[in-house]
Structures are given as structure tokens and as C-alpha cells.
Amino acid sequence: MGLNNSIAYQKAYQFAIRIVNAYKHLTVEKKEFIISKQLLRSGTSVGANLAEANGAISEADFSSRVSIAYKEIQETKYWLSLLKDTGYITEKSYLSINDEAEEISKILYAILKNTRLLN
């Protein structure tokens, strides 16, 4: 059940670093504090939930944590779209980070699909 060495965990961790850097840019350069805080919370929560899944005590617990991570990446994509559509991030930046979010989303969905089929 462990995910700490998985591609999902590694990608989520690297994504969290990007999100933290985006947050710093948005707050310092753009003086945007509300949406960027939401982005920071949801974008870093993906990896945190995968870390918790690594310590799951049951298959159901594992699946629950991965499910939360999946929901958090979906929320993150929403905040990224909102930041793009309100002019806080460029189309190019949006496409780059959203592609990463979409890749993580697909990986998490595949994990969920496989774990739920096993139950």
C-alpha cells in the first residue's frame, strides 16, 4: 500500500514545490492573497494525503486518502483556471502547471480504480 517511492507521490511532491513557488509569486508580485491561499492549500494537500495513504492501516483507509488527494487535485485545477481567467497567471504558466495537475489526476484515478476493484 505504500506510496512514498511511487511516481504519484514523487510527482505530487514536485507539484507542491511548484505550488509553493506560485504562491510566493502571486502574493509578492501580484499582491493576490485570497485565491492563491486556496491554491496553496489544495495544491500541497495532494502530496500530504498521499503521505498519509502511505501509513494507511487498511485498504479502505488507503483508498480514502487517495480519494481525498484526487479531489484536491481537481480543486487545484479549478483555482488555476480562476487565476488564469482573472489575469493573475499567464496562459503559458497555466498550461504548464495544469498539464502537471492533469497528469497527477490521471495517475490518482488509475490508483483509485485499481484499489476499488480489489475490494
C-alpha atoms as a PDB file:
ATOM      1  CA  MET A   1       0.000   0.000   0.000  1.00  0.00           C
ATOM      2  CA  GLY A   2       2.955   2.384   0.372  1.00  0.00           C
ATOM      3  CA  LEU A   3       3.221   5.337  -1.974  1.00  0.00           C
ATOM      4  CA  ASN A   4       6.311   7.198  -0.725  1.00  0.00           C
ATOM      5  CA  ASN A   5       8.500   5.840  -3.520  1.00  0.00           C
ATOM      6  CA  SER A   6       5.752   5.853  -6.140  1.00  0.00           C
ATOM      7  CA  ILE A   7       5.604   8.062  -9.192  1.00  0.00           C
ATOM      8  CA  ALA A   8       2.341   9.538  -7.826  1.00  0.00           C
ATOM      9  CA  TYR A   9       3.992  10.647  -4.606  1.00  0.00           C
ATOM     10  CA  GLN A  10       7.087  11.991  -6.363  1.00  0.00           C
ATOM     11  CA  LYS A  11       5.008  13.953  -8.863  1.00  0.00           C
ATOM     12  CA  ALA A  12       2.731  15.298  -6.123  1.00  0.00           C
ATOM     13  CA  TYR A  13       5.757  16.424  -4.115  1.00  0.00           C
ATOM     14  CA  GLN A  14       7.313  18.211  -7.093  1.00  0.00           C
ATOM     15  CA  PHE A  15       3.906  19.722  -7.863  1.00  0.00           C
ATOM     16  CA  ALA A  16       3.656  21.007  -4.272  1.00  0.00           C
ATOM     17  CA  ILE A  17       7.003  22.748  -4.704  1.00  0.00           C
ATOM     18  CA  ARG A  18       5.676  24.442  -7.844  1.00  0.00           C
ATOM     19  CA  ILE A  19       2.530  25.465  -6.000  1.00  0.00           C
ATOM     20  CA  VAL A  20       4.520  26.976  -3.111  1.00  0.00           C
ATOM     21  CA  ASN A  21       6.615  28.945  -5.608  1.00  0.00           C
ATOM     22  CA  ALA A  22       3.478  30.083  -7.448  1.00  0.00           C
ATOM     23  CA  TYR A  23       2.001  31.190  -4.128  1.00  0.00           C
ATOM     24  CA  LYS A  24       5.114  33.224  -3.315  1.00  0.00           C
ATOM     25  CA  HIS A  25       4.989  34.852  -6.761  1.00  0.00           C
ATOM     26  CA  LEU A  26       1.268  35.614  -6.537  1.00  0.00           C
ATOM     27  CA  THR A  27       1.485  37.163  -3.094  1.00  0.00           C
ATOM     28  CA  VAL A  28       4.707  39.138  -3.602  1.00  0.00           C
ATOM     29  CA  GLU A  29       4.482  40.192  -7.255  1.00  0.00           C
ATOM     30  CA  LYS A  30       0.735  40.227  -7.904  1.00  0.00           C
ATOM     31  CA  LYS A  31      -0.468  41.092  -4.381  1.00  0.00           C
ATOM     32  CA  GLU A  32      -3.117  38.373  -4.687  1.00  0.00           C
ATOM     33  CA  PHE A  33      -3.820  36.709  -1.355  1.00  0.00           C
ATOM     34  CA  ILE A  34      -7.233  35.016  -1.454  1.00  0.00           C
ATOM     35  CA  ILE A  35      -7.224  32.662  -4.443  1.00  0.00           C
ATOM     36  CA  SER A  36      -3.516  31.966  -4.054  1.00  0.00           C
ATOM     37  CA  LYS A  37      -4.096  30.793  -0.473  1.00  0.00           C
ATOM     38  CA  GLN A  38      -6.746  28.365  -1.722  1.00  0.00           C
ATOM     39  CA  LEU A  39      -4.323  27.175  -4.403  1.00  0.00           C
ATOM     40  CA  LEU A  40      -1.602  26.678  -1.792  1.00  0.00           C
ATOM     41  CA  ARG A  41      -3.916  24.693   0.474  1.00  0.00           C
ATOM     42  CA  SER A  42      -5.314  22.357  -2.184  1.00  0.00           C
ATOM     43  CA  GLY A  43      -2.129  22.017  -4.228  1.00  0.00           C
ATOM     44  CA  THR A  44       0.015  20.972  -1.286  1.00  0.00           C
ATOM     45  CA  SER A  45      -2.713  18.772   0.176  1.00  0.00           C
ATOM     46  CA  VAL A  46      -2.387  16.284  -2.690  1.00  0.00           C
ATOM     47  CA  GLY A  47       1.046  15.087  -1.597  1.00  0.00           C
ATOM     48  CA  ALA A  48       0.174  15.322   2.084  1.00  0.00           C
ATOM     49  CA  ASN A  49      -2.749  12.959   1.575  1.00  0.00           C
ATOM     50  CA  LEU A  50      -0.563  10.553  -0.382  1.00  0.00           C
ATOM     51  CA  ALA A  51       1.904  10.631   2.514  1.00  0.00           C
ATOM     52  CA  GLU A  52      -0.964   9.745   4.831  1.00  0.00           C
ATOM     53  CA  ALA A  53      -2.021   6.958   2.455  1.00  0.00           C
ATOM     54  CA  ASN A  54       1.450   5.532   2.907  1.00  0.00           C
ATOM     55  CA  GLY A  55       0.628   4.983   6.574  1.00  0.00           C
ATOM     56  CA  ALA A  56      -2.824   3.579   5.919  1.00  0.00           C
ATOM     57  CA  ILE A  57      -3.960   0.874   8.311  1.00  0.00           C
ATOM     58  CA  SER A  58      -6.326  -0.749   5.831  1.00  0.00           C
ATOM     59  CA  GLU A  59      -7.139  -0.874   2.131  1.00  0.00           C
ATOM     60  CA  ALA A  60     -10.218   1.282   2.837  1.00  0.00           C
ATOM     61  CA  ASP A  61      -8.083   3.867   4.654  1.00  0.00           C
ATOM     62  CA  PHE A  62      -5.611   3.859   1.761  1.00  0.00           C
ATOM     63  CA  SER A  63      -8.380   4.299  -0.811  1.00  0.00           C
ATOM     64  CA  SER A  64      -9.944   7.094   1.237  1.00  0.00           C
ATOM     65  CA  ARG A  65      -6.670   9.076   1.364  1.00  0.00           C
ATOM     66  CA  VAL A  66      -6.029   8.635  -2.347  1.00  0.00           C
ATOM     67  CA  SER A  67      -9.623   9.721  -2.989  1.00  0.00           C
ATOM     68  CA  ILE A  68      -9.065  12.906  -0.989  1.00  0.00           C
ATOM     69  CA  ALA A  69      -5.841  13.568  -2.922  1.00  0.00           C
ATOM     70  CA  TYR A  70      -7.788  13.126  -6.179  1.00  0.00           C
ATOM     71  CA  LYS A  71     -10.433  15.613  -5.052  1.00  0.00           C
ATOM     72  CA  GLU A  72      -7.732  18.095  -4.008  1.00  0.00           C
ATOM     73  CA  ILE A  73      -6.050  17.976  -7.430  1.00  0.00           C
ATOM     74  CA  GLN A  74      -9.449  18.639  -9.034  1.00  0.00           C
ATOM     75  CA  GLU A  75      -9.919  21.652  -6.754  1.00  0.00           C
ATOM     76  CA  THR A  76      -6.415  22.854  -7.582  1.00  0.00           C
ATOM     77  CA  LYS A  77      -7.261  22.787 -11.294  1.00  0.00           C
ATOM     78  CA  TYR A  78     -10.283  24.984 -10.541  1.00  0.00           C
ATOM     79  CA  TRP A  79      -8.152  27.602  -8.735  1.00  0.00           C
ATOM     80  CA  LEU A  80      -5.599  27.547 -11.557  1.00  0.00           C
ATOM     81  CA  SER A  81      -8.351  28.206 -14.105  1.00  0.00           C
ATOM     82  CA  LEU A  82      -9.691  31.048 -11.998  1.00  0.00           C
ATOM     83  CA  LEU A  83      -6.234  32.602 -11.667  1.00  0.00           C
ATOM     84  CA  LYS A  84      -5.755  32.386 -15.436  1.00  0.00           C
ATOM     85  CA  ASP A  85      -9.178  33.779 -16.277  1.00  0.00           C
ATOM     86  CA  THR A  86      -8.706  36.725 -13.906  1.00  0.00           C
ATOM     87  CA  GLY A  87      -5.290  37.578 -15.335  1.00  0.00           C
ATOM     88  CA  TYR A  88      -3.142  36.619 -12.359  1.00  0.00           C
ATOM     89  CA  ILE A  89      -1.240  33.950 -14.297  1.00  0.00           C
ATOM     90  CA  THR A  90      -0.441  33.783 -17.983  1.00  0.00           C
ATOM     91  CA  GLU A  91      -1.907  31.236 -20.369  1.00  0.00           C
ATOM     92  CA  LYS A  92       1.563  29.711 -20.753  1.00  0.00           C
ATOM     93  CA  SER A  93       2.034  29.312 -16.989  1.00  0.00           C
ATOM     94  CA  TYR A  94      -1.465  27.933 -16.656  1.00  0.00           C
ATOM     95  CA  LEU A  95      -0.956  25.339 -19.383  1.00  0.00           C
ATOM     96  CA  SER A  96       2.327  24.180 -17.882  1.00  0.00           C
ATOM     97  CA  ILE A  97       1.093  23.702 -14.337  1.00  0.00           C
ATOM     98  CA  ASN A  98      -2.348  22.465 -15.364  1.00  0.00           C
ATOM     99  CA  ASP A  99      -0.763  19.768 -17.541  1.00  0.00           C
ATOM    100  CA  GLU A 100       1.108  18.576 -14.460  1.00  0.00           C
ATOM    101  CA  ALA A 101      -2.104  18.612 -12.423  1.00  0.00           C
ATOM    102  CA  GLU A 102      -3.905  16.659 -15.129  1.00  0.00           C
ATOM    103  CA  GLU A 103      -1.157  14.028 -15.191  1.00  0.00           C
ATOM    104  CA  ILE A 104      -1.367  13.607 -11.405  1.00  0.00           C
ATOM    105  CA  SER A 105      -5.150  13.431 -11.648  1.00  0.00           C
ATOM    106  CA  LYS A 106      -4.960  10.560 -14.143  1.00  0.00           C
ATOM    107  CA  ILE A 107      -2.445   8.657 -12.020  1.00  0.00           C
ATOM    108  CA  LEU A 108      -4.595   9.031  -8.904  1.00  0.00           C
ATOM    109  CA  TYR A 109      -7.720   7.987 -10.782  1.00  0.00           C
ATOM    110  CA  ALA A 110      -5.935   4.842 -12.000  1.00  0.00           C
ATOM    111  CA  ILE A 111      -4.825   4.037  -8.432  1.00  0.00           C
ATOM    112  CA  LEU A 112      -8.375   4.503  -7.177  1.00  0.00           C
ATOM    113  CA  LYS A 113      -9.816   2.378  -9.943  1.00  0.00           C
ATOM    114  CA  ASN A 114      -7.355  -0.431  -9.160  1.00  0.00           C
ATOM    115  CA  THR A 115      -7.785  -0.315  -5.380  1.00  0.00           C
ATOM    116  CA  ARG A 116     -11.556  -0.259  -5.575  1.00  0.00           C
ATOM    117  CA  LEU A 117     -11.584  -3.219  -7.942  1.00  0.00           C
ATOM    118  CA  LEU A 118      -9.574  -5.166  -5.398  1.00  0.00           C
ATOM    119  CA  ASN A 119     -12.137  -4.643  -2.633  1.00  0.00           C
END
